[in-house]
Amino acid sequence: MKNLAILNSSAPFGNNNYRESLDMLLANASYDRPVGVFFTGDGVYQLLKGTDATLTGNKDVSKTYGLLEMYDIKDVFVSQQSLTHRQLTAKQLCIDVQVLDDAQWFSTLSNYNQVMSF
């Protein structure tokens, strides 16, 4: 079975990309398809602790990301460069992630057969 990488590069609010990406991720994982999820650019804000989504009329996505463990999704990657540019650290994120530098990022992403960007 081909594995799938979900690439998140947009902020969590202002569009539905975060929701569609999460739905795609969980649906594929529920069929035991190997999946990994990557966060880069403003996509790192999707994982930020303490975000009050109700201010924008959205649901709190951090609770949903807690489901990744239940779906046995362990391949969660974040761009070090994206965190650094936004003055964030992995400790500020709502789930455990693997922080990758640029070389590791492209090497890891190249191991996936298919990539969907959101």
C-alpha atoms as a PDB file:
ATOM      1  CA  MET A   1       0.000   0.000   0.000  1.00  0.00           C
ATOM      2  CA  LYS A   2       1.296   3.463  -0.877  1.00  0.00           C
ATOM      3  CA  ASN A   3       2.005   5.787   1.994  1.00  0.00           C
ATOM      4  CA  LEU A   4       0.645   9.321   2.173  1.00  0.00           C
ATOM      5  CA  ALA A   5       2.091  12.582   3.456  1.00  0.00           C
ATOM      6  CA  ILE A   6      -0.272  15.369   4.453  1.00  0.00           C
ATOM      7  CA  LEU A   7       1.473  18.744   4.161  1.00  0.00           C
ATOM      8  CA  ASN A   8      -0.044  21.612   6.173  1.00  0.00           C
ATOM      9  CA  SER A   9       1.203  25.088   5.331  1.00  0.00           C
ATOM     10  CA  SER A  10      -1.761  27.347   6.061  1.00  0.00           C
ATOM     11  CA  ALA A  11      -2.885  28.948   9.307  1.00  0.00           C
ATOM     12  CA  PRO A  12      -5.724  27.188  11.117  1.00  0.00           C
ATOM     13  CA  PHE A  13      -8.301  29.931  10.716  1.00  0.00           C
ATOM     14  CA  GLY A  14      -9.564  31.888   7.737  1.00  0.00           C
ATOM     15  CA  ASN A  15     -10.167  28.780   5.623  1.00  0.00           C
ATOM     16  CA  ASN A  16     -11.069  25.124   6.072  1.00  0.00           C
ATOM     17  CA  ASN A  17      -7.711  23.674   5.001  1.00  0.00           C
ATOM     18  CA  TYR A  18      -6.836  22.559   8.518  1.00  0.00           C
ATOM     19  CA  ARG A  19     -10.135  20.690   8.853  1.00  0.00           C
ATOM     20  CA  GLU A  20      -9.915  19.056   5.420  1.00  0.00           C
ATOM     21  CA  SER A  21      -6.346  18.020   6.090  1.00  0.00           C
ATOM     22  CA  LEU A  22      -7.249  16.491   9.436  1.00  0.00           C
ATOM     23  CA  ASP A  23     -10.234  14.660   7.945  1.00  0.00           C
ATOM     24  CA  MET A  24      -8.009  13.273   5.162  1.00  0.00           C
ATOM     25  CA  LEU A  25      -5.384  12.216   7.689  1.00  0.00           C
ATOM     26  CA  LEU A  26      -7.789  10.415  10.032  1.00  0.00           C
ATOM     27  CA  ALA A  27      -9.750   8.775   7.204  1.00  0.00           C
ATOM     28  CA  ASN A  28      -6.612   7.293   5.676  1.00  0.00           C
ATOM     29  CA  ALA A  29      -5.254   6.191   9.046  1.00  0.00           C
ATOM     30  CA  SER A  30      -8.549   4.480   9.882  1.00  0.00           C
ATOM     31  CA  TYR A  31      -7.966   2.216   6.856  1.00  0.00           C
ATOM     32  CA  ASP A  32      -4.463   1.398   8.127  1.00  0.00           C
ATOM     33  CA  ARG A  33      -2.810   3.348   5.329  1.00  0.00           C
ATOM     34  CA  PRO A  34       0.640   4.538   6.382  1.00  0.00           C
ATOM     35  CA  VAL A  35       0.400   8.317   6.820  1.00  0.00           C
ATOM     36  CA  GLY A  36       2.617  11.123   8.002  1.00  0.00           C
ATOM     37  CA  VAL A  37       1.691  14.721   8.671  1.00  0.00           C
ATOM     38  CA  PHE A  38       4.014  17.657   8.045  1.00  0.00           C
ATOM     39  CA  PHE A  39       3.622  21.233   9.313  1.00  0.00           C
ATOM     40  CA  THR A  40       5.454  24.119   7.676  1.00  0.00           C
ATOM     41  CA  GLY A  41       4.983  27.856   7.252  1.00  0.00           C
ATOM     42  CA  ASP A  42       1.883  29.182   8.978  1.00  0.00           C
ATOM     43  CA  GLY A  43       0.715  25.574   9.312  1.00  0.00           C
ATOM     44  CA  VAL A  44       2.700  25.343  12.569  1.00  0.00           C
ATOM     45  CA  TYR A  45       0.059  27.578  14.154  1.00  0.00           C
ATOM     46  CA  GLN A  46      -2.375  24.654  13.877  1.00  0.00           C
ATOM     47  CA  LEU A  47      -0.473  22.953  16.693  1.00  0.00           C
ATOM     48  CA  LEU A  48      -0.025  25.938  18.981  1.00  0.00           C
ATOM     49  CA  LYS A  49      -1.234  25.399  22.574  1.00  0.00           C
ATOM     50  CA  GLY A  50      -3.731  27.787  24.072  1.00  0.00           C
ATOM     51  CA  THR A  51      -5.266  29.096  20.855  1.00  0.00           C
ATOM     52  CA  ASP A  52      -8.848  30.239  21.458  1.00  0.00           C
ATOM     53  CA  ALA A  53     -10.581  29.150  18.274  1.00  0.00           C
ATOM     54  CA  THR A  54     -13.965  30.343  19.486  1.00  0.00           C
ATOM     55  CA  LEU A  55     -12.888  33.929  18.821  1.00  0.00           C
ATOM     56  CA  THR A  56     -13.001  33.126  15.098  1.00  0.00           C
ATOM     57  CA  GLY A  57     -16.121  30.957  15.275  1.00  0.00           C
ATOM     58  CA  ASN A  58     -14.134  27.740  14.858  1.00  0.00           C
ATOM     59  CA  LYS A  59     -13.732  24.632  16.955  1.00  0.00           C
ATOM     60  CA  ASP A  60     -10.574  23.988  18.944  1.00  0.00           C
ATOM     61  CA  VAL A  61      -8.413  21.822  16.668  1.00  0.00           C
ATOM     62  CA  SER A  62      -5.835  21.030  19.349  1.00  0.00           C
ATOM     63  CA  LYS A  63      -8.248  18.534  20.911  1.00  0.00           C
ATOM     64  CA  THR A  64      -8.650  16.788  17.570  1.00  0.00           C
ATOM     65  CA  TYR A  65      -4.888  16.518  17.124  1.00  0.00           C
ATOM     66  CA  GLY A  66      -4.931  14.575  20.379  1.00  0.00           C
ATOM     67  CA  LEU A  67      -6.665  11.805  18.400  1.00  0.00           C
ATOM     68  CA  LEU A  68      -3.543  11.143  16.346  1.00  0.00           C
ATOM     69  CA  GLU A  69      -2.208   8.843  19.030  1.00  0.00           C
ATOM     70  CA  MET A  70      -5.462   6.875  19.098  1.00  0.00           C
ATOM     71  CA  TYR A  71      -5.220   6.419  15.321  1.00  0.00           C
ATOM     72  CA  ASP A  72      -1.607   5.267  15.781  1.00  0.00           C
ATOM     73  CA  ILE A  73      -0.228   8.224  13.816  1.00  0.00           C
ATOM     74  CA  LYS A  74       3.318   8.689  15.045  1.00  0.00           C
ATOM     75  CA  ASP A  75       4.873  10.436  12.062  1.00  0.00           C
ATOM     76  CA  VAL A  76       4.231  14.084  12.902  1.00  0.00           C
ATOM     77  CA  PHE A  77       6.885  16.444  11.566  1.00  0.00           C
ATOM     78  CA  VAL A  78       7.439  20.181  11.976  1.00  0.00           C
ATOM     79  CA  SER A  79       9.858  22.413  10.103  1.00  0.00           C
ATOM     80  CA  GLN A  80      12.514  23.853  12.399  1.00  0.00           C
ATOM     81  CA  GLN A  81      12.854  26.845  10.094  1.00  0.00           C
ATOM     82  CA  SER A  82       9.112  27.566  10.340  1.00  0.00           C
ATOM     83  CA  LEU A  83       9.222  27.422  14.135  1.00  0.00           C
ATOM     84  CA  THR A  84      12.293  29.656  14.276  1.00  0.00           C
ATOM     85  CA  HIS A  85      10.816  32.259  11.911  1.00  0.00           C
ATOM     86  CA  ARG A  86       7.746  32.476  14.158  1.00  0.00           C
ATOM     87  CA  GLN A  87       9.775  32.489  17.389  1.00  0.00           C
ATOM     88  CA  LEU A  88       8.161  29.228  18.508  1.00  0.00           C
ATOM     89  CA  THR A  89       9.499  26.021  20.035  1.00  0.00           C
ATOM     90  CA  ALA A  90       8.216  22.450  20.025  1.00  0.00           C
ATOM     91  CA  LYS A  91       7.322  22.865  23.721  1.00  0.00           C
ATOM     92  CA  GLN A  92       4.635  25.366  22.715  1.00  0.00           C
ATOM     93  CA  LEU A  93       2.839  22.794  20.560  1.00  0.00           C
ATOM     94  CA  CYS A  94      -0.142  20.729  21.699  1.00  0.00           C
ATOM     95  CA  ILE A  95       1.282  17.345  20.650  1.00  0.00           C
ATOM     96  CA  ASP A  96       4.671  15.688  20.440  1.00  0.00           C
ATOM     97  CA  VAL A  97       6.366  16.256  17.103  1.00  0.00           C
ATOM     98  CA  GLN A  98       9.627  15.513  15.370  1.00  0.00           C
ATOM     99  CA  VAL A  99      11.344  18.784  14.489  1.00  0.00           C
ATOM    100  CA  LEU A 100      13.300  18.554  11.243  1.00  0.00           C
ATOM    101  CA  ASP A 101      15.913  20.845   9.740  1.00  0.00           C
ATOM    102  CA  ASP A 102      15.698  21.528   5.991  1.00  0.00           C
ATOM    103  CA  ALA A 103      17.807  18.536   4.919  1.00  0.00           C
ATOM    104  CA  GLN A 104      15.875  16.153   7.181  1.00  0.00           C
ATOM    105  CA  TRP A 105      12.577  17.674   6.021  1.00  0.00           C
ATOM    106  CA  PHE A 106      13.172  16.977   2.332  1.00  0.00           C
ATOM    107  CA  SER A 107      14.731  13.587   2.994  1.00  0.00           C
ATOM    108  CA  THR A 108      11.783  12.469   5.140  1.00  0.00           C
ATOM    109  CA  LEU A 109       9.174  13.856   2.757  1.00  0.00           C
ATOM    110  CA  SER A 110      10.808  12.050  -0.165  1.00  0.00           C
ATOM    111  CA  ASN A 111      10.068   8.718   1.552  1.00  0.00           C
ATOM    112  CA  TYR A 112       6.341   9.145   0.884  1.00  0.00           C
ATOM    113  CA  ASN A 113       4.706   7.912  -2.314  1.00  0.00           C
ATOM    114  CA  GLN A 114       1.990  10.566  -2.362  1.00  0.00           C
ATOM    115  CA  VAL A 115       1.778  14.089  -0.945  1.00  0.00           C
ATOM    116  CA  MET A 116      -1.355  16.151  -0.438  1.00  0.00           C
ATOM    117  CA  SER A 117      -0.922  19.851   0.373  1.00  0.00           C
ATOM    118  CA  PHE A 118      -3.341  21.946   2.400  1.00  0.00           C
END
